Amino acid sequence: MLSLLPTPDSPWLIMTNYLSMRNLLLIISLFLASCEGSIERRDRFFLLGNKALENENYENAIQRYDESLREDPNYTLALNNRGVAKSEMGRKYEAILDFNQALAGKPDYLEALFNRAYAYEAIGKYKKALDDVSSIKRITGDSAFVFFYEGLVLTKMRAYDKALLSFQKSDEIEPLNPETLVNLATVHYFKEELPEAASVIGKVLKLEPNNPNAFNLLSLIALKRKEFGKSLAEINKALNEVPSEPYFLNNRGYIYLRMDSLESALEDINKSIILNPKNGWAYRNKGIYFLFSGEYHRALELFEQAEESGDFIDELFYFYGLANDRLGITGEACLSWEKGVRNNESRSRIIFSQKCN
């Protein structure tokens, strides 16, 4: 989120056309040098930073915000937007320092609170993200988006009951928002409440008959029920709507894995990784491909890569444990399944109780 100042009215007089462009630029630069004060320079650099940020030129944006902050070290707008630029570059910890400084000067600065929450979420510090959400709630009161975002964070924490309450509250404030309903259904799916998930998705499809996320979730529900043909048909509907969506391609790859069509699975998973190299779910699924192919060490490498992505990935530790178990490393297998139990993985809970107690 950006805090953009409105562009000030330009004070320049219209120059007569007998001046060359070179002379015009010289006159303007002299005018700036002689009349521009510290506040004007601060705002000019800030607006240049915003332009660079909008063009995704993050390094240049940071340089411009640095220049703005040299004129006013406590300029909260520049601190926030510099944090956004750093966050977009993957420099989340540095971004948080900027958001902290902005909030030290302006504790109720909503944009900085949201941006810091997003940064905390991205590095897996979900409780800190929720602390910022609580601060936002105190400022905004009941807001559909704030409860929606709270639900997303709680889902990543696998606090499914609380996540349901947040999405339900969001739906109360802004009823029949398809995005909210899809996430509500997703939490039911993770809780293995499949009839409830399917019922909510039915509402989504009444609102948006071609919603690809609804087709995707119906595919996963069918897969849980081992209805492989229906699962494949639903994910193909999603891909008909968005042919190059990496998450849908990856999910179809997982369906092919479950159908024992390993080469078709690998083709889709590899396409997904090319389209989005940061998708931890795809590395999990590629690891499953090598697990099913008997290449257990390669599977472990990919499960480790999936874990390092920091993504919320269901059943990762179940498969991680299986690879260790196939290699005869029982202690490591149990440690993986124990992690899965802590992450509410139902299959990890079952196999841990069978093999590790």
Protein backbone atom coordinates (compact mmCIF):
# COMPACT_ATOMS: atom_id res chain seq x y z
CA MET A 1 0.00 0.00 0.00
CA LEU A 2 1.26 3.46 -0.85
CA SER A 3 0.75 6.80 0.82
CA LEU A 4 0.97 9.12 -2.13
CA LEU A 5 0.85 12.87 -1.77
CA PRO A 6 -1.21 14.69 -4.38
CA THR A 7 0.94 16.23 -7.11
CA PRO A 8 1.27 19.97 -6.36
CA ASP A 9 0.13 22.46 -8.97
CA SER A 10 3.05 23.41 -11.18
CA PRO A 11 4.05 27.07 -10.57
CA TRP A 12 5.97 27.45 -13.84
CA LEU A 13 5.05 30.28 -16.16
CA ILE A 14 4.55 29.45 -19.83
CA MET A 15 7.80 30.31 -21.62
CA THR A 16 7.80 32.04 -25.00
CA ASN A 17 8.85 29.78 -27.87
CA TYR A 18 11.99 31.74 -28.82
CA LEU A 19 13.81 30.04 -25.92
CA SER A 20 15.60 26.84 -26.82
CA MET A 21 14.85 23.75 -24.72
CA ARG A 22 18.40 23.92 -23.35
CA ASN A 23 17.80 27.46 -22.09
CA LEU A 24 14.41 26.52 -20.71
CA LEU A 25 15.90 23.69 -18.66
CA LEU A 26 18.62 26.01 -17.42
CA ILE A 27 16.10 28.63 -16.34
CA ILE A 28 14.02 26.05 -14.50
CA SER A 29 17.04 24.55 -12.76
CA LEU A 30 18.21 28.00 -11.68
CA PHE A 31 14.73 28.73 -10.37
CA LEU A 32 14.82 25.54 -8.33
CA ALA A 33 18.25 26.24 -6.98
CA SER A 34 17.36 29.74 -5.92
CA CYS A 35 13.82 29.23 -4.59
CA GLU A 36 13.34 25.59 -3.52
CA GLY A 37 13.45 25.11 0.22
CA SER A 38 13.97 21.96 2.28
CA ILE A 39 10.26 21.02 2.39
CA GLU A 40 9.91 21.49 -1.36
CA ARG A 41 12.98 19.33 -2.00
CA ARG A 42 11.63 16.70 0.40
CA ASP A 43 8.31 16.54 -1.43
CA ARG A 44 9.91 16.61 -4.88
CA PHE A 45 12.15 13.64 -4.06
CA PHE A 46 9.18 11.86 -2.47
CA LEU A 47 7.08 12.24 -5.63
CA LEU A 48 10.00 11.06 -7.77
CA GLY A 49 10.25 8.02 -5.49
CA ASN A 50 6.55 7.35 -5.92
CA LYS A 51 6.89 7.47 -9.70
CA ALA A 52 9.78 5.00 -9.57
CA LEU A 53 7.82 2.77 -7.20
CA GLU A 54 4.80 2.74 -9.50
CA ASN A 55 7.14 1.73 -12.36
CA GLU A 56 8.58 -1.07 -10.17
CA ASN A 57 12.02 0.58 -10.27
CA TYR A 58 12.60 -0.20 -6.61
CA GLU A 59 16.28 0.69 -6.33
CA ASN A 60 15.65 4.13 -7.79
CA ALA A 61 12.61 4.57 -5.55
CA ILE A 62 14.71 3.83 -2.47
CA GLN A 63 17.35 6.34 -3.58
CA ARG A 64 14.71 9.03 -4.02
CA TYR A 65 13.12 8.30 -0.65
CA ASP A 66 16.62 8.43 0.90
CA GLU A 67 17.01 11.93 -0.57
CA SER A 68 13.59 12.93 0.75
CA LEU A 69 14.52 11.65 4.20
CA ARG A 70 17.80 13.55 4.19
CA GLU A 71 15.66 16.69 4.07
CA ASP A 72 13.26 15.39 6.75
CA PRO A 73 14.44 12.23 8.61
CA ASN A 74 11.03 11.75 10.27
CA TYR A 75 8.92 12.07 7.12
CA THR A 76 6.50 9.21 7.74
CA LEU A 77 5.18 9.00 4.16
CA ALA A 78 8.67 8.48 2.76
CA LEU A 79 9.54 5.97 5.49
CA ASN A 80 6.43 3.94 4.70
CA ASN A 81 6.94 3.99 0.94
CA ARG A 82 10.64 3.18 1.25
CA GLY A 83 9.54 0.19 3.31
CA VAL A 84 7.17 -0.83 0.50
CA ALA A 85 10.01 -0.66 -2.05
CA LYS A 86 12.30 -2.74 0.18
CA SER A 87 9.51 -5.23 0.81
CA GLU A 88 8.90 -5.62 -2.93
CA MET A 89 12.62 -6.42 -3.32
CA GLY A 90 12.34 -9.17 -0.71
CA ARG A 91 14.13 -7.11 1.96
CA LYS A 92 11.36 -7.70 4.50
CA TYR A 93 13.41 -7.17 7.66
CA GLU A 94 14.72 -3.82 6.43
CA ALA A 95 11.19 -2.88 5.40
CA ILE A 96 9.92 -3.61 8.91
CA LEU A 97 12.51 -1.20 10.34
CA ASP A 98 11.14 1.55 8.08
CA PHE A 99 7.55 0.77 9.07
CA ASN A 100 8.61 0.78 12.74
CA GLN A 101 10.14 4.24 12.34
CA ALA A 102 7.07 5.55 10.53
CA LEU A 103 4.81 4.22 13.28
CA ALA A 104 7.02 5.65 16.01
CA GLY A 105 6.19 9.08 14.63
CA LYS A 106 2.56 8.28 13.83
CA PRO A 107 1.19 5.27 15.78
CA ASP A 108 -2.20 5.29 14.01
CA TYR A 109 -0.71 5.32 10.48
CA LEU A 110 -2.95 2.67 8.89
CA GLU A 111 -0.92 2.11 5.73
CA ALA A 112 2.24 1.45 7.72
CA LEU A 113 0.38 -0.90 10.08
CA PHE A 114 -0.99 -2.88 7.13
CA ASN A 115 2.37 -2.94 5.38
CA ARG A 116 4.16 -4.10 8.52
CA ALA A 117 1.54 -6.83 9.00
CA TYR A 118 2.11 -8.01 5.41
CA ALA A 119 5.88 -8.04 5.97
CA TYR A 120 5.56 -9.98 9.24
CA GLU A 121 3.24 -12.45 7.51
CA ALA A 122 5.74 -12.90 4.66
CA ILE A 123 8.53 -13.90 7.08
CA GLY A 124 6.27 -16.21 9.08
CA LYS A 125 5.86 -13.97 12.13
CA TYR A 126 2.12 -14.47 12.18
CA LYS A 127 1.52 -13.44 15.80
CA LYS A 128 3.18 -10.09 15.16
CA ALA A 129 1.05 -9.68 12.04
CA LEU A 130 -2.05 -10.33 14.16
CA ASP A 131 -0.88 -7.75 16.70
CA ASP A 132 -0.89 -5.17 13.91
CA VAL A 133 -4.32 -6.38 12.80
CA SER A 134 -5.57 -5.79 16.36
CA SER A 135 -4.20 -2.23 16.22
CA ILE A 136 -5.90 -1.69 12.87
CA LYS A 137 -9.21 -2.93 14.31
CA ARG A 138 -9.00 -0.40 17.14
CA ILE A 139 -8.62 2.38 14.57
CA THR A 140 -11.07 1.26 11.88
CA GLY A 141 -13.69 -0.63 13.86
CA ASP A 142 -15.52 -3.38 12.01
CA SER A 143 -14.08 -3.72 8.52
CA ALA A 144 -14.77 -6.58 6.12
CA PHE A 145 -11.26 -6.44 4.69
CA VAL A 146 -9.55 -6.39 8.10
CA PHE A 147 -11.45 -9.51 9.22
CA PHE A 148 -10.75 -11.10 5.83
CA TYR A 149 -7.02 -10.49 6.19
CA GLU A 150 -7.11 -11.73 9.79
CA GLY A 151 -8.68 -14.95 8.47
CA LEU A 152 -5.86 -15.38 5.96
CA VAL A 153 -3.19 -15.05 8.66
CA LEU A 154 -5.04 -17.40 11.02
CA THR A 155 -5.34 -19.95 8.20
CA LYS A 156 -1.58 -19.83 7.71
CA MET A 157 -1.23 -20.45 11.45
CA ARG A 158 -3.59 -23.42 11.00
CA ALA A 159 -5.86 -21.87 13.61
CA TYR A 160 -8.82 -22.99 11.53
CA ASP A 161 -11.64 -22.42 14.02
CA LYS A 162 -10.55 -18.82 14.58
CA ALA A 163 -10.03 -18.33 10.84
CA LEU A 164 -13.62 -19.46 10.21
CA LEU A 165 -14.92 -16.89 12.69
CA SER A 166 -12.92 -14.12 10.99
CA PHE A 167 -14.15 -15.01 7.49
CA GLN A 168 -17.71 -15.33 8.80
CA LYS A 169 -17.44 -11.88 10.39
CA SER A 170 -16.13 -10.48 7.10
CA ASP A 171 -19.08 -12.06 5.30
CA GLU A 172 -21.51 -10.53 7.80
CA ILE A 173 -20.13 -7.04 7.16
CA GLU A 174 -19.91 -7.45 3.38
CA PRO A 175 -22.18 -10.34 2.40
CA LEU A 176 -21.65 -12.56 -0.62
CA ASN A 177 -18.12 -11.47 -1.51
CA PRO A 178 -16.88 -14.40 -3.65
CA GLU A 179 -13.29 -14.06 -2.43
CA THR A 180 -14.37 -14.25 1.20
CA LEU A 181 -16.61 -17.24 0.49
CA VAL A 182 -13.84 -19.13 -1.35
CA ASN A 183 -11.53 -18.67 1.63
CA LEU A 184 -14.28 -19.68 4.03
CA ALA A 185 -14.79 -22.86 2.01
CA THR A 186 -11.04 -23.45 1.95
CA VAL A 187 -10.91 -23.44 5.75
CA HIS A 188 -13.75 -25.97 5.84
CA TYR A 189 -11.70 -28.04 3.39
CA PHE A 190 -8.62 -27.91 5.63
CA LYS A 191 -10.82 -28.97 8.56
CA GLU A 192 -11.99 -31.85 6.35
CA GLU A 193 -15.55 -30.56 6.54
CA LEU A 194 -16.11 -31.39 2.89
CA PRO A 195 -19.93 -31.03 2.71
CA GLU A 196 -19.69 -27.56 4.28
CA ALA A 197 -16.89 -26.57 1.87
CA ALA A 198 -18.90 -27.76 -1.14
CA SER A 199 -22.00 -25.92 0.09
CA VAL A 200 -20.17 -22.59 0.37
CA ILE A 201 -18.61 -23.07 -3.07
CA GLY A 202 -22.12 -23.60 -4.41
CA LYS A 203 -22.93 -20.05 -3.26
CA VAL A 204 -19.84 -18.75 -5.05
CA LEU A 205 -20.85 -20.38 -8.33
CA LYS A 206 -24.34 -18.85 -8.09
CA LEU A 207 -22.68 -15.45 -7.85
CA GLU A 208 -19.94 -16.16 -10.42
CA PRO A 209 -20.67 -19.26 -12.52
CA ASN A 210 -17.13 -19.34 -13.99
CA ASN A 211 -15.11 -18.57 -10.86
CA PRO A 212 -11.81 -20.47 -11.36
CA ASN A 213 -10.98 -20.57 -7.66
CA ALA A 214 -14.31 -22.27 -7.00
CA PHE A 215 -13.54 -24.92 -9.64
CA ASN A 216 -10.09 -25.39 -8.12
CA LEU A 217 -11.49 -26.03 -4.65
CA LEU A 218 -14.19 -28.37 -5.99
CA SER A 219 -11.35 -30.29 -7.63
CA LEU A 220 -9.53 -30.63 -4.31
CA ILE A 221 -12.73 -31.71 -2.54
CA ALA A 222 -13.29 -34.41 -5.17
CA LEU A 223 -9.66 -35.50 -4.77
CA LYS A 224 -10.14 -35.90 -1.01
CA ARG A 225 -13.07 -38.18 -1.83
CA LYS A 226 -10.87 -40.08 -4.33
CA GLU A 227 -13.16 -39.07 -7.19
CA PHE A 228 -10.24 -38.68 -9.57
CA GLY A 229 -12.21 -38.18 -12.77
CA LYS A 230 -14.36 -35.44 -11.25
CA SER A 231 -11.29 -33.83 -9.69
CA LEU A 232 -9.53 -33.68 -13.06
CA ALA A 233 -12.65 -32.30 -14.77
CA GLU A 234 -13.00 -29.48 -12.21
CA ILE A 235 -9.35 -28.41 -12.36
CA ASN A 236 -9.57 -28.38 -16.15
CA LYS A 237 -12.52 -25.97 -15.84
CA ALA A 238 -10.31 -23.71 -13.72
CA LEU A 239 -7.51 -23.90 -16.29
CA ASN A 240 -9.95 -23.14 -19.11
CA GLU A 241 -10.62 -19.83 -17.34
CA VAL A 242 -6.96 -19.10 -16.48
CA PRO A 243 -4.73 -21.34 -18.66
CA SER A 244 -1.37 -20.24 -17.22
CA GLU A 245 -2.24 -20.08 -13.53
CA PRO A 246 0.73 -21.80 -11.83
CA TYR A 247 -1.23 -22.94 -8.76
CA PHE A 248 -3.89 -24.61 -10.89
CA LEU A 249 -1.25 -26.31 -13.04
CA ASN A 250 0.47 -27.52 -9.89
CA ASN A 251 -2.81 -28.84 -8.50
CA ARG A 252 -3.49 -30.72 -11.72
CA GLY A 253 0.00 -32.17 -11.38
CA TYR A 254 -0.91 -33.38 -7.89
CA ILE A 255 -4.09 -34.99 -9.24
CA TYR A 256 -2.01 -36.81 -11.86
CA LEU A 257 0.31 -37.99 -9.05
CA ARG A 258 -2.68 -39.44 -7.22
CA MET A 259 -3.80 -41.10 -10.46
CA ASP A 260 -0.29 -42.58 -10.88
CA SER A 261 0.21 -40.65 -14.14
CA LEU A 262 3.68 -39.57 -13.07
CA GLU A 263 5.01 -38.10 -16.31
CA SER A 264 1.88 -35.99 -16.88
CA ALA A 265 2.24 -34.85 -13.27
CA LEU A 266 5.87 -33.83 -13.72
CA GLU A 267 5.06 -31.88 -16.89
CA ASP A 268 2.44 -29.76 -15.12
CA ILE A 269 4.54 -29.28 -11.99
CA ASN A 270 7.57 -28.14 -14.01
CA LYS A 271 5.39 -25.66 -15.95
CA SER A 272 4.12 -24.34 -12.62
CA ILE A 273 7.66 -23.82 -11.32
CA ILE A 274 8.71 -22.01 -14.50
CA LEU A 275 5.74 -19.65 -14.14
CA ASN A 276 6.30 -19.13 -10.41
CA PRO A 277 9.70 -20.30 -9.09
CA LYS A 278 8.72 -19.29 -5.52
CA ASN A 279 5.74 -21.64 -5.22
CA GLY A 280 6.57 -23.97 -2.34
CA TRP A 281 3.58 -26.21 -3.11
CA ALA A 282 5.11 -27.08 -6.50
CA TYR A 283 8.37 -28.17 -4.84
CA ARG A 284 6.36 -30.32 -2.46
CA ASN A 285 4.60 -31.97 -5.39
CA LYS A 286 7.82 -32.45 -7.33
CA GLY A 287 9.21 -34.08 -4.19
CA ILE A 288 6.21 -36.42 -4.16
CA TYR A 289 6.98 -37.31 -7.79
CA PHE A 290 10.50 -38.41 -6.80
CA LEU A 291 9.14 -40.16 -3.69
CA PHE A 292 6.78 -42.21 -5.87
CA SER A 293 9.63 -42.81 -8.33
CA GLY A 294 11.84 -44.25 -5.56
CA GLU A 295 14.38 -41.38 -5.65
CA TYR A 296 14.14 -40.65 -1.95
CA HIS A 297 17.19 -38.39 -1.53
CA ARG A 298 16.00 -36.17 -4.39
CA ALA A 299 12.56 -36.09 -2.78
CA LEU A 300 14.06 -34.92 0.51
CA GLU A 301 15.94 -32.10 -1.26
CA LEU A 302 12.69 -30.84 -2.76
CA PHE A 303 10.74 -31.14 0.50
CA GLU A 304 13.48 -29.08 2.15
CA GLN A 305 13.16 -26.50 -0.62
CA ALA A 306 9.40 -26.41 -0.08
CA GLU A 307 9.88 -25.88 3.65
CA GLU A 308 12.40 -23.08 3.06
CA SER A 309 9.89 -21.23 0.86
CA GLY A 310 8.00 -20.26 4.02
CA ASP A 311 4.68 -20.97 2.30
CA PHE A 312 1.73 -22.49 4.08
CA ILE A 313 1.90 -26.04 2.63
CA ASP A 314 -0.46 -28.76 3.78
CA GLU A 315 0.85 -32.33 4.34
CA LEU A 316 4.45 -31.35 3.58
CA PHE A 317 5.76 -33.05 6.71
CA TYR A 318 3.70 -36.17 6.08
CA PHE A 319 5.51 -36.73 2.78
CA TYR A 320 8.83 -35.56 4.26
CA GLY A 321 8.49 -38.30 6.87
CA LEU A 322 7.60 -40.92 4.25
CA ALA A 323 10.82 -40.22 2.34
CA ASN A 324 12.91 -40.58 5.50
CA ASP A 325 11.02 -43.74 6.43
CA ARG A 326 11.70 -45.30 3.01
CA LEU A 327 15.40 -44.59 3.58
CA GLY A 328 15.21 -46.35 6.94
CA ILE A 329 15.85 -43.13 8.90
CA THR A 330 13.08 -43.73 11.41
CA GLY A 331 14.10 -41.02 13.87
CA GLU A 332 14.05 -38.32 11.19
CA ALA A 333 10.75 -39.66 9.89
CA CYS A 334 9.17 -39.33 13.33
CA LEU A 335 10.54 -35.80 13.74
CA SER A 336 8.93 -34.85 10.41
CA TRP A 337 5.60 -36.38 11.36
CA GLU A 338 5.77 -34.69 14.75
CA LYS A 339 6.11 -31.35 12.93
CA GLY A 340 3.12 -32.38 10.86
CA VAL A 341 1.10 -33.06 14.01
CA ARG A 342 1.95 -29.55 15.26
CA ASN A 343 0.74 -28.21 11.92
CA ASN A 344 -2.60 -30.04 12.10
CA GLU A 345 -1.77 -32.51 9.32
CA SER A 346 -4.29 -35.31 9.76
CA ARG A 347 -2.23 -37.98 7.98
CA SER A 348 0.87 -37.05 10.01
CA ARG A 349 -1.17 -37.47 13.18
CA ILE A 350 -2.30 -40.95 12.15
CA ILE A 351 1.11 -42.24 11.04
CA PHE A 352 2.91 -40.67 14.01
CA SER A 353 0.59 -42.53 16.40
CA GLN A 354 1.15 -45.78 14.48
CA LYS A 355 4.93 -45.68 14.08
CA CYS A 356 6.43 -43.31 16.63
CA ASN A 357 4.71 -43.91 19.98
